Amino acid sequence: MKRNTLGQSDLQVSEIGLGCMSIGTEEKTAVHLLHEALDLGINLLDTADLYDAGRNEELVGQAIKGRRSDVVLATKVGNRRIPGQEGWAWDASKGYILSAVKDSLRRLGTDYIDLYQLHGGTLEDPIDETIEAFEQLKREGVIRCYGISSIRPNVIREYVSRSNIVSVMSQYSIFDRRPEEEVLPLLESKGIGLIARGPVASGMLADGGDTKLSKGLLGYGEEELRLFRESIRSAADRSLTETALRYPAAAPAVACVLAGASSIEQLRANAEAASKPPLRGEELTAIREAIPANYYTQHR
């Protein structure tokens, strides 16, 4: 599988990565899925301390035993569980990040993280302090690089201008083209890589995903989304899944398209898409003409 350099780091990431949130909580099944991903050439495994209250990191840790050098290991921080409180609280403080990374390392069974990401963020955060935490971890060799996971243009701009992030993880698909107007050009100009999550739009852009359309997306209703799917099929002579995965990969700033998989079949379909040629210029044009561009309206 093709590898791309992640931003200005020395990390070489597979064109298709695996979003580990979808692997479930049963160890045998999850580890088998993760081993299959690595065997297919998928080397970016993205997890978070938030997923299944840390269980996801534990399963990833089990799967990479003996194969650590094959993996670009990415996890996230910022969501904190407070004893006695239900759910998670947001905490981007330096103290919490320096503490939380130790728990992630223990669960992952490793002594370093390749890509440590802030799992969200707002302008009200102590941003300089947050950056200090990541920079300290980098100096100490605990992490190799850091980035943020965000769909907030105002937050992305702050970290681009004030930090040494190598990547931004953000939602990007044919149905959600919001990054195209301002985020992608900004990242490309600064040499920062985009990790595009949600390429199949919660299954709506996958083959056989018709049943998912009733949920709607970004103001689009079921019938509108159904028409969009048919337009995409006409625009590119490929499977819908392949088109959906190849579309974000066509943007120069995109280093990795992060797709989830809960079965071996889905995983293989994702890897198969990566083996296909990039979308041609006429295919991209037809898709963009058929599907309206949408824009960020919040967090300006």
Protein backbone atom coordinates (compact mmCIF):
# COMPACT_ATOMS: atom_id res chain seq x y z
CA MET A 1 0.00 0.00 0.00
CA LYS A 2 1.15 3.50 -0.80
CA ARG A 3 2.72 5.43 2.07
CA ASN A 4 2.63 9.19 2.52
CA THR A 5 4.70 11.45 4.75
CA LEU A 6 2.54 12.88 7.52
CA GLY A 7 3.03 16.63 7.37
CA GLN A 8 6.64 17.62 8.09
CA SER A 9 7.27 14.62 10.32
CA ASP A 10 9.28 11.51 9.57
CA LEU A 11 6.17 9.33 9.91
CA GLN A 12 5.26 7.33 6.82
CA VAL A 13 1.55 6.48 6.97
CA SER A 14 -0.51 4.17 4.81
CA GLU A 15 -2.86 5.91 2.42
CA ILE A 16 -5.74 4.12 4.15
CA GLY A 17 -5.64 3.97 7.94
CA LEU A 18 -7.81 2.10 10.43
CA GLY A 19 -10.05 3.95 12.85
CA CYS A 20 -10.00 1.50 15.74
CA MET A 21 -13.21 2.70 17.41
CA SER A 22 -15.12 0.18 15.27
CA ILE A 23 -13.25 -3.00 16.30
CA GLY A 24 -15.50 -3.87 19.23
CA THR A 25 -14.54 -5.02 22.70
CA GLU A 26 -14.03 -8.78 22.25
CA GLU A 27 -10.29 -9.44 22.31
CA LYS A 28 -9.98 -12.34 19.88
CA THR A 29 -12.10 -10.68 17.19
CA ALA A 30 -10.46 -7.27 17.60
CA VAL A 31 -6.89 -8.58 17.58
CA HIS A 32 -7.61 -10.71 14.49
CA LEU A 33 -9.00 -7.63 12.71
CA LEU A 34 -5.99 -5.52 13.65
CA HIS A 35 -3.53 -8.21 12.53
CA GLU A 36 -5.33 -8.45 9.21
CA ALA A 37 -5.05 -4.67 8.80
CA LEU A 38 -1.29 -4.80 9.34
CA ASP A 39 -0.97 -7.74 6.94
CA LEU A 40 -2.83 -5.69 4.30
CA GLY A 41 -0.31 -2.86 4.65
CA ILE A 42 -2.46 -0.58 6.80
CA ASN A 43 -0.02 0.83 9.35
CA LEU A 44 -1.82 3.85 10.87
CA LEU A 45 -3.92 2.62 13.79
CA ASP A 46 -5.92 5.41 15.42
CA THR A 47 -7.43 4.98 18.85
CA ALA A 48 -8.24 7.21 21.85
CA ASP A 49 -8.33 6.95 25.63
CA LEU A 50 -12.03 7.83 25.35
CA TYR A 51 -13.03 4.77 23.31
CA ASP A 52 -14.72 2.14 25.48
CA ALA A 53 -13.22 3.81 28.56
CA GLY A 54 -9.71 2.72 27.60
CA ARG A 55 -10.56 -0.80 26.47
CA ASN A 56 -9.87 0.13 22.86
CA GLU A 57 -6.31 1.17 23.68
CA GLU A 58 -5.83 -2.11 25.55
CA LEU A 59 -6.95 -4.15 22.53
CA VAL A 60 -4.68 -2.20 20.19
CA GLY A 61 -1.86 -2.81 22.66
CA GLN A 62 -2.53 -6.55 22.61
CA ALA A 63 -2.55 -6.60 18.81
CA ILE A 64 0.75 -4.78 18.30
CA LYS A 65 2.79 -6.92 20.67
CA GLY A 66 5.79 -8.06 18.68
CA ARG A 67 4.80 -5.81 15.76
CA ARG A 68 5.38 -2.36 17.23
CA SER A 69 7.81 -1.37 14.46
CA ASP A 70 5.11 -2.10 11.84
CA VAL A 71 2.72 0.44 13.34
CA VAL A 72 2.24 4.19 13.31
CA LEU A 73 0.36 4.36 16.57
CA ALA A 74 -2.00 7.29 17.09
CA THR A 75 -4.11 8.04 20.13
CA LYS A 76 -5.87 11.05 21.64
CA VAL A 77 -6.23 12.95 24.88
CA GLY A 78 -8.44 15.63 26.43
CA ASN A 79 -11.52 13.79 27.65
CA ARG A 80 -11.30 13.09 31.36
CA ARG A 81 -13.42 10.86 33.54
CA ILE A 82 -14.00 12.42 36.97
CA PRO A 83 -14.93 10.03 39.81
CA GLY A 84 -18.54 10.51 40.87
CA GLN A 85 -19.50 12.28 37.65
CA GLU A 86 -21.32 10.69 34.74
CA GLY A 87 -19.70 10.87 31.31
CA TRP A 88 -16.53 12.75 30.42
CA ALA A 89 -15.23 16.22 31.19
CA TRP A 90 -13.00 18.23 28.86
CA ASP A 91 -9.50 18.93 30.16
CA ALA A 92 -6.74 20.31 27.92
CA SER A 93 -4.49 21.36 30.79
CA LYS A 94 -0.79 20.57 30.79
CA GLY A 95 -1.04 18.64 34.02
CA TYR A 96 -3.77 16.38 32.75
CA ILE A 97 -2.07 15.66 29.43
CA LEU A 98 1.20 14.75 31.17
CA SER A 99 -0.73 12.42 33.46
CA ALA A 100 -3.09 10.89 30.88
CA VAL A 101 -0.28 9.91 28.52
CA LYS A 102 1.10 7.56 31.18
CA ASP A 103 -2.21 5.69 31.32
CA SER A 104 -2.36 5.46 27.53
CA LEU A 105 1.19 4.10 27.37
CA ARG A 106 0.31 1.45 29.95
CA ARG A 107 -2.84 0.37 28.12
CA LEU A 108 -1.05 0.34 24.76
CA GLY A 109 1.90 -1.62 26.17
CA THR A 110 4.47 0.69 24.64
CA ASP A 111 6.94 3.33 25.79
CA TYR A 112 6.22 5.84 23.04
CA ILE A 113 3.34 7.09 20.89
CA ASP A 114 3.95 8.05 17.28
CA LEU A 115 1.15 10.61 17.01
CA TYR A 116 -0.50 12.08 20.10
CA GLN A 117 -3.57 14.17 19.30
CA LEU A 118 -5.70 16.64 21.19
CA HIS A 119 -9.18 15.13 20.99
CA GLY A 120 -11.10 18.34 20.27
CA GLY A 121 -10.38 21.76 21.72
CA THR A 122 -11.91 25.23 22.03
CA LEU A 123 -10.62 28.79 22.07
CA GLU A 124 -11.32 28.85 25.82
CA ASP A 125 -8.61 26.21 26.42
CA PRO A 126 -5.21 27.21 27.83
CA ILE A 127 -3.77 26.69 24.34
CA ASP A 128 -0.19 27.74 25.12
CA GLU A 129 -0.17 25.39 28.11
CA THR A 130 -1.59 22.58 25.99
CA ILE A 131 1.14 23.09 23.41
CA GLU A 132 3.77 23.15 26.17
CA ALA A 133 2.59 19.70 27.29
CA PHE A 134 2.95 18.20 23.83
CA GLU A 135 6.32 19.83 23.28
CA GLN A 136 7.58 18.50 26.61
CA LEU A 137 6.45 14.97 25.76
CA LYS A 138 8.18 15.28 22.42
CA ARG A 139 11.45 16.41 24.01
CA GLU A 140 11.26 13.51 26.46
CA GLY A 141 10.77 10.99 23.64
CA VAL A 142 7.37 9.92 24.96
CA ILE A 143 5.74 10.99 21.69
CA ARG A 144 7.27 11.43 18.26
CA CYS A 145 4.80 14.02 16.93
CA TYR A 146 1.53 15.66 17.87
CA GLY A 147 -1.59 16.92 16.16
CA ILE A 148 -5.21 17.81 16.82
CA SER A 149 -8.54 16.22 15.98
CA SER A 150 -11.00 19.01 15.26
CA ILE A 151 -13.75 20.26 12.96
CA ARG A 152 -13.50 23.81 14.35
CA PRO A 153 -11.83 26.22 11.89
CA ASN A 154 -11.07 28.73 14.63
CA VAL A 155 -9.24 26.12 16.72
CA ILE A 156 -7.40 24.66 13.73
CA ARG A 157 -6.12 28.12 12.79
CA GLU A 158 -4.80 28.71 16.32
CA TYR A 159 -2.82 25.47 16.42
CA VAL A 160 -1.52 25.96 12.88
CA SER A 161 -0.17 29.39 13.80
CA ARG A 162 1.07 28.68 17.33
CA SER A 163 2.29 25.09 17.45
CA ASN A 164 4.33 22.44 15.65
CA ILE A 165 1.43 20.13 14.85
CA VAL A 166 2.12 17.74 11.97
CA SER A 167 -1.51 16.78 11.39
CA VAL A 168 -5.15 17.68 11.73
CA MET A 169 -7.75 14.95 11.87
CA SER A 170 -11.08 16.15 10.53
CA GLN A 171 -14.26 14.83 9.00
CA TYR A 172 -14.04 14.90 5.21
CA SER A 173 -16.11 13.03 2.62
CA ILE A 174 -18.05 13.57 -0.58
CA PHE A 175 -21.07 14.37 1.61
CA ASP A 176 -19.06 16.62 3.92
CA ARG A 177 -16.81 18.84 1.82
CA ARG A 178 -16.44 21.56 4.45
CA PRO A 179 -12.61 21.32 4.71
CA GLU A 180 -12.17 22.21 1.03
CA GLU A 181 -12.87 25.92 1.34
CA GLU A 182 -10.41 26.92 4.07
CA VAL A 183 -8.89 24.04 6.03
CA LEU A 184 -7.26 22.10 3.19
CA PRO A 185 -5.63 25.18 1.58
CA LEU A 186 -4.33 26.32 4.97
CA LEU A 187 -2.83 22.92 5.81
CA GLU A 188 -1.30 22.52 2.36
CA SER A 189 0.35 25.96 2.59
CA LYS A 190 1.86 25.09 5.99
CA GLY A 191 2.96 21.55 5.18
CA ILE A 192 0.53 19.97 7.67
CA GLY A 193 -1.18 16.69 6.82
CA LEU A 194 -4.92 16.07 7.03
CA ILE A 195 -6.11 12.72 8.34
CA ALA A 196 -9.54 12.47 6.76
CA ARG A 197 -12.01 10.63 8.97
CA GLY A 198 -15.55 9.61 8.10
CA PRO A 199 -14.91 9.04 4.37
CA VAL A 200 -17.97 6.81 3.96
CA ALA A 201 -20.19 9.13 6.03
CA SER A 202 -21.28 6.59 8.67
CA GLY A 203 -21.87 4.01 5.95
CA MET A 204 -24.01 6.23 3.73
CA LEU A 205 -21.34 6.20 1.03
CA ALA A 206 -20.60 2.48 1.29
CA ASP A 207 -21.94 -0.12 -1.10
CA GLY A 208 -25.15 -1.38 0.46
CA GLY A 209 -25.44 1.71 2.65
CA ASP A 210 -28.92 2.72 1.46
CA THR A 211 -30.44 1.80 4.83
CA LYS A 212 -28.28 4.42 6.55
CA LEU A 213 -29.73 7.35 4.60
CA SER A 214 -32.82 7.80 6.76
CA LYS A 215 -30.66 9.39 9.47
CA GLY A 216 -29.90 12.36 7.20
CA LEU A 217 -26.65 14.32 7.26
CA LEU A 218 -25.69 17.99 7.57
CA GLY A 219 -29.20 19.14 6.69
CA TYR A 220 -29.67 16.71 3.80
CA GLY A 221 -32.71 14.44 3.91
CA GLU A 222 -32.99 10.83 2.84
CA GLU A 223 -34.23 11.47 -0.69
CA GLU A 224 -31.60 14.10 -1.38
CA LEU A 225 -28.86 11.77 -0.16
CA ARG A 226 -30.26 8.96 -2.29
CA LEU A 227 -30.06 11.16 -5.38
CA PHE A 228 -26.50 12.14 -4.44
CA ARG A 229 -25.51 8.48 -4.24
CA GLU A 230 -26.84 7.83 -7.73
CA SER A 231 -25.01 10.88 -9.06
CA ILE A 232 -21.76 9.58 -7.60
CA ARG A 233 -22.28 6.22 -9.26
CA SER A 234 -22.71 8.00 -12.59
CA ALA A 235 -19.69 10.24 -12.05
CA ALA A 236 -17.20 7.42 -11.48
CA ASP A 237 -17.20 3.92 -12.95
CA ARG A 238 -16.17 2.34 -9.66
CA SER A 239 -17.80 0.85 -6.59
CA LEU A 240 -19.31 3.43 -4.28
CA THR A 241 -16.96 2.46 -1.47
CA GLU A 242 -13.92 2.87 -3.72
CA THR A 243 -15.08 6.29 -4.92
CA ALA A 244 -15.80 7.41 -1.36
CA LEU A 245 -12.34 6.41 -0.13
CA ARG A 246 -10.48 7.74 -3.16
CA TYR A 247 -12.19 11.15 -3.07
CA PRO A 248 -10.51 12.58 0.07
CA ALA A 249 -7.20 11.02 -0.98
CA ALA A 250 -7.22 13.23 -4.08
CA ALA A 251 -6.60 16.39 -2.02
CA PRO A 252 -2.85 17.19 -1.82
CA ALA A 253 -3.00 17.96 1.91
CA VAL A 254 -4.55 14.58 2.78
CA ALA A 255 -1.94 12.15 4.07
CA CYS A 256 -4.28 9.38 5.17
CA VAL A 257 -7.93 8.45 4.75
CA LEU A 258 -9.03 6.94 8.04
CA ALA A 259 -11.75 4.33 7.62
CA GLY A 260 -13.37 2.15 10.24
CA ALA A 261 -14.01 -1.57 9.83
CA SER A 262 -15.90 -4.01 12.04
CA SER A 263 -15.34 -7.05 9.81
CA ILE A 264 -12.57 -8.60 7.74
CA GLU A 265 -14.69 -8.06 4.63
CA GLN A 266 -14.95 -4.30 5.23
CA LEU A 267 -11.25 -4.12 5.98
CA ARG A 268 -10.34 -5.88 2.74
CA ALA A 269 -12.69 -3.65 0.75
CA ASN A 270 -10.95 -0.59 2.21
CA ALA A 271 -7.52 -1.97 1.35
CA GLU A 272 -8.70 -2.91 -2.13
CA ALA A 273 -9.76 0.69 -2.73
CA ALA A 274 -6.23 1.80 -1.90
CA SER A 275 -4.88 -0.46 -4.64
CA LYS A 276 -6.97 1.25 -7.31
CA PRO A 277 -5.83 4.26 -9.38
CA PRO A 278 -6.63 7.74 -8.05
CA LEU A 279 -9.80 9.41 -9.25
CA ARG A 280 -9.29 11.06 -12.62
CA GLY A 281 -9.78 14.79 -13.08
CA GLU A 282 -13.05 14.29 -14.93
CA GLU A 283 -14.37 12.05 -12.16
CA LEU A 284 -13.55 14.64 -9.50
CA THR A 285 -15.17 17.37 -11.55
CA ALA A 286 -18.35 15.34 -12.08
CA ILE A 287 -18.62 14.54 -8.37
CA ARG A 288 -18.11 18.18 -7.35
CA GLU A 289 -20.70 19.33 -9.86
CA ALA A 290 -23.23 16.79 -8.61
CA ILE A 291 -22.73 17.22 -4.86
CA PRO A 292 -22.96 20.77 -3.46
CA ALA A 293 -20.03 22.03 -1.45
CA ASN A 294 -20.97 22.69 2.17
CA TYR A 295 -19.28 25.13 4.52
CA TYR A 296 -18.44 25.56 8.18
CA THR A 297 -20.96 27.92 9.75
CA GLN A 298 -19.97 27.58 13.41
CA HIS A 299 -16.73 28.23 15.29
CA ARG A 300 -15.68 31.10 13.06
